[in-house]
Every structure is written in structure tokens, then in C-alpha cells.
Amino acid sequence: MMTIEIYTTRTCPFCIRAKQLLDQKGASYTEIDVGADPALRDKMTKRAGKRSVPQIFVGTTHVGGCDDLYALERSGKLDPLLKGAA
């Protein structure tokens, strides 16, 4: 079973919006707070190639950030991707 992981910080409004969309979709995800842990942020940066949050992964697929997640939703590609993670 694929997992959904979202790297976040507590005060990031884009992180909150991304989690709201995943919640609306009924998707369960693991939230990884990198705000207070430089080692976790470094791990995220190596994995995603970016230091900004959120960084969202569905299985091994790097979705990107909040705007990327909403773009998938608008194009109708988010539901099939999430179904693979169910």
C-alpha cells in the first residue's frame, strides 16, 4: 500500500491548505514537521530537491507543493493518484 507523506511546518498557510484538500478527499497521510528539526528538513530537501514546504509525496511520486496539489485536483488527476494510495 502506498503512503502519503507531507512535509510541513506549523505556521505555513500553504501546508494548512494542502492538508485541508487531502482531508476533504478523505486521504490519510503522515505529516512530517520539519520546522524544528534541521535534519528532517535536510532529508526532505534531498528527497524533494526543494527546501520550501509543503512537499508532498504519494508513494514514490513527488507531487510538489500546495499549488501543485491543487493543479492536480483541477486537472482531475488527484483522485486517481490518491486511489492508488488507499
PDB file of N, CA and C in Angstrom:
ATOM      1  N   MET A   1       0.842  -1.198   0.000  1.00  0.00           N
ATOM      2  CA  MET A   1       0.000   0.000   0.000  1.00  0.00           C
ATOM      3  C   MET A   1       0.876   1.246   0.000  1.00  0.00           C
ATOM      4  N   MET A   2       0.559   2.177  -0.887  1.00  0.00           N
ATOM      5  CA  MET A   2       1.304   3.426  -0.939  1.00  0.00           C
ATOM      6  C   MET A   2       0.899   4.329   0.213  1.00  0.00           C
ATOM      7  N   THR A   3       1.844   5.120   0.643  1.00  0.00           N
ATOM      8  CA  THR A   3       1.554   6.077   1.703  1.00  0.00           C
ATOM      9  C   THR A   3       1.626   7.488   1.142  1.00  0.00           C
ATOM     10  N   ILE A   4       0.978   8.388   1.848  1.00  0.00           N
ATOM     11  CA  ILE A   4       1.049   9.809   1.518  1.00  0.00           C
ATOM     12  C   ILE A   4       1.829  10.474   2.644  1.00  0.00           C
ATOM     13  N   GLU A   5       2.868  11.219   2.270  1.00  0.00           N
ATOM     14  CA  GLU A   5       3.657  11.957   3.252  1.00  0.00           C
ATOM     15  C   GLU A   5       3.665  13.419   2.851  1.00  0.00           C
ATOM     16  N   ILE A   6       3.494  14.279   3.853  1.00  0.00           N
ATOM     17  CA  ILE A   6       3.524  15.712   3.605  1.00  0.00           C
ATOM     18  C   ILE A   6       4.465  16.351   4.634  1.00  0.00           C
ATOM     19  N   TYR A   7       5.495  16.985   4.102  1.00  0.00           N
ATOM     20  CA  TYR A   7       6.458  17.696   4.948  1.00  0.00           C
ATOM     21  C   TYR A   7       5.925  19.101   5.164  1.00  0.00           C
ATOM     22  N   THR A   8       5.850  19.519   6.429  1.00  0.00           N
ATOM     23  CA  THR A   8       5.207  20.788   6.766  1.00  0.00           C
ATOM     24  C   THR A   8       5.989  21.538   7.845  1.00  0.00           C
ATOM     25  N   THR A   9       5.523  22.767   8.093  1.00  0.00           N
ATOM     26  CA  THR A   9       5.848  23.491   9.321  1.00  0.00           C
ATOM     27  C   THR A   9       4.520  23.948   9.905  1.00  0.00           C
ATOM     28  N   ARG A  10       4.519  24.235  11.192  1.00  0.00           N
ATOM     29  CA  ARG A  10       3.250  24.534  11.868  1.00  0.00           C
ATOM     30  C   ARG A  10       2.571  25.802  11.381  1.00  0.00           C
ATOM     31  N   THR A  11       3.333  26.812  11.001  1.00  0.00           N
ATOM     32  CA  THR A  11       2.731  28.110  10.688  1.00  0.00           C
ATOM     33  C   THR A  11       2.568  28.369   9.195  1.00  0.00           C
ATOM     34  N   CYS A  12       2.843  27.384   8.370  1.00  0.00           N
ATOM     35  CA  CYS A  12       2.806  27.564   6.917  1.00  0.00           C
ATOM     36  C   CYS A  12       1.370  27.511   6.395  1.00  0.00           C
ATOM     37  N   PRO A  13       0.864  28.623   5.833  1.00  0.00           N
ATOM     38  CA  PRO A  13      -0.516  28.617   5.333  1.00  0.00           C
ATOM     39  C   PRO A  13      -0.706  27.668   4.144  1.00  0.00           C
ATOM     40  N   PHE A  14       0.318  27.476   3.336  1.00  0.00           N
ATOM     41  CA  PHE A  14       0.207  26.557   2.197  1.00  0.00           C
ATOM     42  C   PHE A  14       0.111  25.119   2.674  1.00  0.00           C
ATOM     43  N   CYS A  15       0.809  24.812   3.776  1.00  0.00           N
ATOM     44  CA  CYS A  15       0.725  23.470   4.365  1.00  0.00           C
ATOM     45  C   CYS A  15      -0.700  23.206   4.846  1.00  0.00           C
ATOM     46  N   ILE A  16      -1.277  24.191   5.487  1.00  0.00           N
ATOM     47  CA  ILE A  16      -2.641  24.063   6.010  1.00  0.00           C
ATOM     48  C   ILE A  16      -3.621  23.831   4.859  1.00  0.00           C
ATOM     49  N   ARG A  17      -3.478  24.602   3.776  1.00  0.00           N
ATOM     50  CA  ARG A  17      -4.372  24.431   2.615  1.00  0.00           C
ATOM     51  C   ARG A  17      -4.215  23.061   1.988  1.00  0.00           C
ATOM     52  N   ALA A  18      -2.977  22.587   1.874  1.00  0.00           N
ATOM     53  CA  ALA A  18      -2.742  21.271   1.270  1.00  0.00           C
ATOM     54  C   ALA A  18      -3.374  20.179   2.129  1.00  0.00           C
ATOM     55  N   LYS A  19      -3.215  20.280   3.451  1.00  0.00           N
ATOM     56  CA  LYS A  19      -3.809  19.277   4.351  1.00  0.00           C
ATOM     57  C   LYS A  19      -5.326  19.337   4.282  1.00  0.00           C
ATOM     58  N   GLN A  20      -5.903  20.540   4.131  1.00  0.00           N
ATOM     59  CA  GLN A  20      -7.361  20.664   4.032  1.00  0.00           C
ATOM     60  C   GLN A  20      -7.878  19.922   2.803  1.00  0.00           C
ATOM     61  N   LEU A  21      -7.165  20.037   1.678  1.00  0.00           N
ATOM     62  CA  LEU A  21      -7.606  19.347   0.466  1.00  0.00           C
ATOM     63  C   LEU A  21      -7.498  17.837   0.646  1.00  0.00           C
ATOM     64  N   LEU A  22      -6.403  17.372   1.233  1.00  0.00           N
ATOM     65  CA  LEU A  22      -6.264  15.938   1.470  1.00  0.00           C
ATOM     66  C   LEU A  22      -7.346  15.442   2.425  1.00  0.00           C
ATOM     67  N   ASP A  23      -7.660  16.248   3.446  1.00  0.00           N
ATOM     68  CA  ASP A  23      -8.727  15.879   4.388  1.00  0.00           C
ATOM     69  C   ASP A  23     -10.083  15.802   3.678  1.00  0.00           C
ATOM     70  N   GLN A  24     -10.358  16.774   2.793  1.00  0.00           N
ATOM     71  CA  GLN A  24     -11.622  16.766   2.041  1.00  0.00           C
ATOM     72  C   GLN A  24     -11.734  15.508   1.189  1.00  0.00           C
ATOM     73  N   LYS A  25     -10.607  15.031   0.715  1.00  0.00           N
ATOM     74  CA  LYS A  25     -10.579  13.835  -0.129  1.00  0.00           C
ATOM     75  C   LYS A  25     -10.641  12.555   0.701  1.00  0.00           C
ATOM     76  N   GLY A  26     -10.572  12.690   2.015  1.00  0.00           N
ATOM     77  CA  GLY A  26     -10.592  11.514   2.876  1.00  0.00           C
ATOM     78  C   GLY A  26      -9.289  10.733   2.835  1.00  0.00           C
ATOM     79  N   ALA A  27      -8.221  11.391   2.419  1.00  0.00           N
ATOM     80  CA  ALA A  27      -6.922  10.725   2.300  1.00  0.00           C
ATOM     81  C   ALA A  27      -6.207  10.746   3.647  1.00  0.00           C
ATOM     82  N   SER A  28      -5.695   9.601   4.050  1.00  0.00           N
ATOM     83  CA  SER A  28      -4.896   9.582   5.278  1.00  0.00           C
ATOM     84  C   SER A  28      -3.444   9.807   4.884  1.00  0.00           C
ATOM     85  N   TYR A  29      -2.753  10.591   5.675  1.00  0.00           N
ATOM     86  CA  TYR A  29      -1.380  10.954   5.358  1.00  0.00           C
ATOM     87  C   TYR A  29      -0.562  11.045   6.631  1.00  0.00           C
ATOM     88  N   THR A  30       0.734  10.976   6.445  1.00  0.00           N
ATOM     89  CA  THR A  30       1.673  11.166   7.537  1.00  0.00           C
ATOM     90  C   THR A  30       2.253  12.564   7.398  1.00  0.00           C
ATOM     91  N   GLU A  31       2.096  13.364   8.437  1.00  0.00           N
ATOM     92  CA  GLU A  31       2.644  14.719   8.439  1.00  0.00           C
ATOM     93  C   GLU A  31       4.006  14.698   9.120  1.00  0.00           C
ATOM     94  N   ILE A  32       4.984  15.273   8.454  1.00  0.00           N
ATOM     95  CA  ILE A  32       6.343  15.332   8.989  1.00  0.00           C
ATOM     96  C   ILE A  32       6.698  16.801   9.167  1.00  0.00           C
ATOM     97  N   ASP A  33       6.741  17.257  10.422  1.00  0.00           N
ATOM     98  CA  ASP A  33       7.021  18.661  10.742  1.00  0.00           C
ATOM     99  C   ASP A  33       8.534  18.878  10.720  1.00  0.00           C
ATOM    100  N   VAL A  34       8.986  19.672   9.750  1.00  0.00           N
ATOM    101  CA  VAL A  34      10.419  19.937   9.612  1.00  0.00           C
ATOM    102  C   VAL A  34      10.813  21.285  10.226  1.00  0.00           C
ATOM    103  N   GLY A  35       9.851  21.975  10.836  1.00  0.00           N
ATOM    104  CA  GLY A  35      10.090  23.318  11.345  1.00  0.00           C
ATOM    105  C   GLY A  35      11.136  23.396  12.432  1.00  0.00           C
ATOM    106  N   ALA A  36      11.190  22.431  13.306  1.00  0.00           N
ATOM    107  CA  ALA A  36      12.108  22.491  14.443  1.00  0.00           C
ATOM    108  C   ALA A  36      13.223  21.457  14.325  1.00  0.00           C
ATOM    109  N   ASP A  37      13.339  20.810  13.176  1.00  0.00           N
ATOM    110  CA  ASP A  37      14.311  19.733  13.045  1.00  0.00           C
ATOM    111  C   ASP A  37      15.105  19.883  11.744  1.00  0.00           C
ATOM    112  N   PRO A  38      16.286  20.507  11.821  1.00  0.00           N
ATOM    113  CA  PRO A  38      17.090  20.719  10.609  1.00  0.00           C
ATOM    114  C   PRO A  38      17.437  19.411   9.888  1.00  0.00           C
ATOM    115  N   ALA A  39      17.615  18.326  10.622  1.00  0.00           N
ATOM    116  CA  ALA A  39      17.957  17.050   9.996  1.00  0.00           C
ATOM    117  C   ALA A  39      16.789  16.547   9.134  1.00  0.00           C
ATOM    118  N   LEU A  40      15.558  16.713   9.640  1.00  0.00           N
ATOM    119  CA  LEU A  40      14.384  16.312   8.852  1.00  0.00           C
ATOM    120  C   LEU A  40      14.244  17.178   7.611  1.00  0.00           C
ATOM    121  N   ARG A  41      14.512  18.495   7.755  1.00  0.00           N
ATOM    122  CA  ARG A  41      14.424  19.384   6.591  1.00  0.00           C
ATOM    123  C   ARG A  41      15.478  18.993   5.558  1.00  0.00           C
ATOM    124  N   ASP A  42      16.672  18.632   6.018  1.00  0.00           N
ATOM    125  CA  ASP A  42      17.719  18.194   5.095  1.00  0.00           C
ATOM    126  C   ASP A  42      17.288  16.926   4.356  1.00  0.00           C
ATOM    127  N   LYS A  43      16.667  15.999   5.079  1.00  0.00           N
ATOM    128  CA  LYS A  43      16.179  14.765   4.454  1.00  0.00           C
ATOM    129  C   LYS A  43      15.126  15.091   3.393  1.00  0.00           C
ATOM    130  N   MET A  44      14.198  16.002   3.728  1.00  0.00           N
ATOM    131  CA  MET A  44      13.165  16.421   2.785  1.00  0.00           C
ATOM    132  C   MET A  44      13.807  17.067   1.562  1.00  0.00           C
ATOM    133  N   THR A  45      14.796  17.928   1.784  1.00  0.00           N
ATOM    134  CA  THR A  45      15.459  18.636   0.685  1.00  0.00           C
ATOM    135  C   THR A  45      16.148  17.660  -0.261  1.00  0.00           C
ATOM    136  N   LYS A  46      16.801  16.657   0.302  1.00  0.00           N
ATOM    137  CA  LYS A  46      17.451  15.640  -0.537  1.00  0.00           C
ATOM    138  C   LYS A  46      16.403  14.862  -1.340  1.00  0.00           C
ATOM    139  N   ARG A  47      15.298  14.567  -0.711  1.00  0.00           N
ATOM    140  CA  ARG A  47      14.254  13.770  -1.359  1.00  0.00           C
ATOM    141  C   ARG A  47      13.494  14.576  -2.413  1.00  0.00           C
ATOM    142  N   ALA A  48      13.158  15.824  -2.080  1.00  0.00           N
ATOM    143  CA  ALA A  48      12.300  16.637  -2.952  1.00  0.00           C
ATOM    144  C   ALA A  48      13.085  17.562  -3.886  1.00  0.00           C
ATOM    145  N   GLY A  49      14.329  17.863  -3.502  1.00  0.00           N
ATOM    146  CA  GLY A  49      15.093  18.821  -4.291  1.00  0.00           C
ATOM    147  C   GLY A  49      14.727  20.263  -3.996  1.00  0.00           C
ATOM    148  N   LYS A  50      13.916  20.469  -2.959  1.00  0.00           N
ATOM    149  CA  LYS A  50      13.470  21.816  -2.579  1.00  0.00           C
ATOM    150  C   LYS A  50      13.465  21.942  -1.065  1.00  0.00           C
ATOM    151  N   ARG A  51      13.649  23.182  -0.576  1.00  0.00           N
ATOM    152  CA  ARG A  51      13.632  23.429   0.869  1.00  0.00           C
ATOM    153  C   ARG A  51      12.294  23.985   1.341  1.00  0.00           C
ATOM    154  N   SER A  52      11.437  24.394   0.400  1.00  0.00           N
ATOM    155  CA  SER A  52      10.164  25.007   0.772  1.00  0.00           C
ATOM    156  C   SER A  52       9.155  23.936   1.182  1.00  0.00           C
ATOM    157  N   VAL A  53       8.206  24.341   2.011  1.00  0.00           N
ATOM    158  CA  VAL A  53       7.129  23.442   2.430  1.00  0.00           C
ATOM    159  C   VAL A  53       5.812  23.995   1.927  1.00  0.00           C
ATOM    160  N   PRO A  54       4.817  23.149   1.729  1.00  0.00           N
ATOM    161  CA  PRO A  54       4.878  21.707   1.919  1.00  0.00           C
ATOM    162  C   PRO A  54       5.563  21.016   0.751  1.00  0.00           C
ATOM    163  N   GLN A  55       6.049  19.823   1.000  1.00  0.00           N
ATOM    164  CA  GLN A  55       6.487  18.909  -0.052  1.00  0.00           C
ATOM    165  C   GLN A  55       5.662  17.640   0.143  1.00  0.00           C
ATOM    166  N   ILE A  56       4.987  17.227  -0.900  1.00  0.00           N
ATOM    167  CA  ILE A  56       4.008  16.146  -0.803  1.00  0.00           C
ATOM    168  C   ILE A  56       4.448  14.974  -1.670  1.00  0.00           C
ATOM    169  N   PHE A  57       4.393  13.787  -1.078  1.00  0.00           N
ATOM    170  CA  PHE A  57       4.716  12.558  -1.790  1.00  0.00           C
ATOM    171  C   PHE A  57       3.537  11.599  -1.682  1.00  0.00           C
ATOM    172  N   VAL A  58       3.163  11.007  -2.805  1.00  0.00           N
ATOM    173  CA  VAL A  58       2.175   9.927  -2.817  1.00  0.00           C
ATOM    174  C   VAL A  58       2.946   8.700  -3.292  1.00  0.00           C
ATOM    175  N   GLY A  59       3.212   7.799  -2.365  1.00  0.00           N
ATOM    176  CA  GLY A  59       4.105   6.685  -2.676  1.00  0.00           C
ATOM    177  C   GLY A  59       5.471   7.256  -3.012  1.00  0.00           C
ATOM    178  N   THR A  60       6.010   6.869  -4.150  1.00  0.00           N
ATOM    179  CA  THR A  60       7.305   7.402  -4.578  1.00  0.00           C
ATOM    180  C   THR A  60       7.149   8.617  -5.482  1.00  0.00           C
ATOM    181  N   THR A  61       5.906   9.012  -5.779  1.00  0.00           N
ATOM    182  CA  THR A  61       5.656  10.156  -6.654  1.00  0.00           C
ATOM    183  C   THR A  61       5.759  11.455  -5.863  1.00  0.00           C
ATOM    184  N   HIS A  62       6.656  12.342  -6.310  1.00  0.00           N
ATOM    185  CA  HIS A  62       6.768  13.663  -5.696  1.00  0.00           C
ATOM    186  C   HIS A  62       5.749  14.574  -6.367  1.00  0.00           C
ATOM    187  N   VAL A  63       4.694  14.907  -5.634  1.00  0.00           N
ATOM    188  CA  VAL A  63       3.643  15.770  -6.162  1.00  0.00           C
ATOM    189  C   VAL A  63       4.149  17.204  -6.247  1.00  0.00           C
ATOM    190  N   GLY A  64       4.906  17.626  -5.240  1.00  0.00           N
ATOM    191  CA  GLY A  64       5.381  19.006  -5.172  1.00  0.00           C
ATOM    192  C   GLY A  64       4.754  19.693  -3.982  1.00  0.00           C
ATOM    193  N   GLY A  65       4.391  20.959  -4.172  1.00  0.00           N
ATOM    194  CA  GLY A  65       3.833  21.752  -3.088  1.00  0.00           C
ATOM    195  C   GLY A  65       2.325  21.910  -3.190  1.00  0.00           C
ATOM    196  N   CYS A  66       1.817  22.892  -2.460  1.00  0.00           N
ATOM    197  CA  CYS A  66       0.375  23.129  -2.387  1.00  0.00           C
ATOM    198  C   CYS A  66      -0.210  23.466  -3.759  1.00  0.00           C
ATOM    199  N   ASP A  67       0.430  24.372  -4.496  1.00  0.00           N
ATOM    200  CA  ASP A  67      -0.091  24.753  -5.809  1.00  0.00           C
ATOM    201  C   ASP A  67      -0.130  23.557  -6.748  1.00  0.00           C
ATOM    202  N   ASP A  68       0.891  22.696  -6.655  1.00  0.00           N
ATOM    203  CA  ASP A  68       0.934  21.503  -7.496  1.00  0.00           C
ATOM    204  C   ASP A  68      -0.214  20.553  -7.150  1.00  0.00           C
ATOM    205  N   LEU A  69      -0.497  20.411  -5.851  1.00  0.00           N
ATOM    206  CA  LEU A  69      -1.589  19.544  -5.401  1.00  0.00           C
ATOM    207  C   LEU A  69      -2.929  20.050  -5.937  1.00  0.00           C
ATOM    208  N   TYR A  70      -3.166  21.366  -5.835  1.00  0.00           N
ATOM    209  CA  TYR A  70      -4.417  21.941  -6.327  1.00  0.00           C
ATOM    210  C   TYR A  70      -4.506  21.871  -7.852  1.00  0.00           C
ATOM    211  N   ALA A  71      -3.355  21.966  -8.545  1.00  0.00           N
ATOM    212  CA  ALA A  71      -3.350  21.835 -10.008  1.00  0.00           C
ATOM    213  C   ALA A  71      -3.763  20.421 -10.409  1.00  0.00           C
ATOM    214  N   LEU A  72      -3.296  19.411  -9.668  1.00  0.00           N
ATOM    215  CA  LEU A  72      -3.722  18.036  -9.929  1.00  0.00           C
ATOM    216  C   LEU A  72      -5.226  17.894  -9.726  1.00  0.00           C
ATOM    217  N   GLU A  73      -5.733  18.532  -8.686  1.00  0.00           N
ATOM    218  CA  GLU A  73      -7.174  18.482  -8.411  1.00  0.00           C
ATOM    219  C   GLU A  73      -7.954  19.109  -9.566  1.00  0.00           C
ATOM    220  N   ARG A  74      -7.519  20.287 -10.026  1.00  0.00           N
ATOM    221  CA  ARG A  74      -8.218  20.978 -11.116  1.00  0.00           C
ATOM    222  C   ARG A  74      -8.191  20.165 -12.408  1.00  0.00           C
ATOM    223  N   SER A  75      -7.111  19.432 -12.643  1.00  0.00           N
ATOM    224  CA  SER A  75      -6.976  18.673 -13.889  1.00  0.00           C
ATOM    225  C   SER A  75      -7.621  17.286 -13.799  1.00  0.00           C
ATOM    226  N   GLY A  76      -8.180  16.950 -12.630  1.00  0.00           N
ATOM    227  CA  GLY A  76      -8.837  15.668 -12.471  1.00  0.00           C
ATOM    228  C   GLY A  76      -7.872  14.505 -12.237  1.00  0.00           C
ATOM    229  N   LYS A  77      -6.610  14.805 -11.968  1.00  0.00           N
ATOM    230  CA  LYS A  77      -5.610  13.745 -11.797  1.00  0.00           C
ATOM    231  C   LYS A  77      -5.338  13.378 -10.335  1.00  0.00           C
ATOM    232  N   LEU A  78      -5.879  14.173  -9.405  1.00  0.00           N
ATOM    233  CA  LEU A  78      -5.595  13.899  -7.988  1.00  0.00           C
ATOM    234  C   LEU A  78      -6.316  12.654  -7.494  1.00  0.00           C
ATOM    235  N   ASP A  79      -7.596  12.506  -7.803  1.00  0.00           N
ATOM    236  CA  ASP A  79      -8.356  11.359  -7.310  1.00  0.00           C
ATOM    237  C   ASP A  79      -7.734  10.021  -7.720  1.00  0.00           C
ATOM    238  N   PRO A  80      -7.383   9.843  -9.025  1.00  0.00           N
ATOM    239  CA  PRO A  80      -6.761   8.567  -9.396  1.00  0.00           C
ATOM    240  C   PRO A  80      -5.433   8.325  -8.659  1.00  0.00           C
ATOM    241  N   LEU A  81      -4.660   9.381  -8.449  1.00  0.00           N
ATOM    242  CA  LEU A  81      -3.398   9.237  -7.728  1.00  0.00           C
ATOM    243  C   LEU A  81      -3.645   8.808  -6.284  1.00  0.00           C
ATOM    244  N   LEU A  82      -4.632   9.441  -5.648  1.00  0.00           N
ATOM    245  CA  LEU A  82      -4.948   9.107  -4.254  1.00  0.00           C
ATOM    246  C   LEU A  82      -5.564   7.717  -4.143  1.00  0.00           C
ATOM    247  N   LYS A  83      -6.309   7.292  -5.132  1.00  0.00           N
ATOM    248  CA  LYS A  83      -6.899   5.951  -5.095  1.00  0.00           C
ATOM    249  C   LYS A  83      -5.806   4.883  -5.040  1.00  0.00           C
ATOM    250  N   GLY A  84      -4.698   5.143  -5.707  1.00  0.00           N
ATOM    251  CA  GLY A  84      -3.565   4.235  -5.658  1.00  0.00           C
ATOM    252  C   GLY A  84      -2.930   4.178  -4.283  1.00  0.00           C
ATOM    253  N   ALA A  85      -3.169   5.219  -3.478  1.00  0.00           N
ATOM    254  CA  ALA A  85      -2.582   5.288  -2.136  1.00  0.00           C
ATOM    255  C   ALA A  85      -3.536   4.741  -1.080  1.00  0.00           C
ATOM    256  N   ALA A  86      -4.775   4.448  -1.473  1.00  0.00           N
ATOM    257  CA  ALA A  86      -5.781   3.991  -0.499  1.00  0.00           C
ATOM    258  C   ALA A  86      -5.461   2.620   0.058  1.00  0.00           C
TER     259      ALA A  86
END
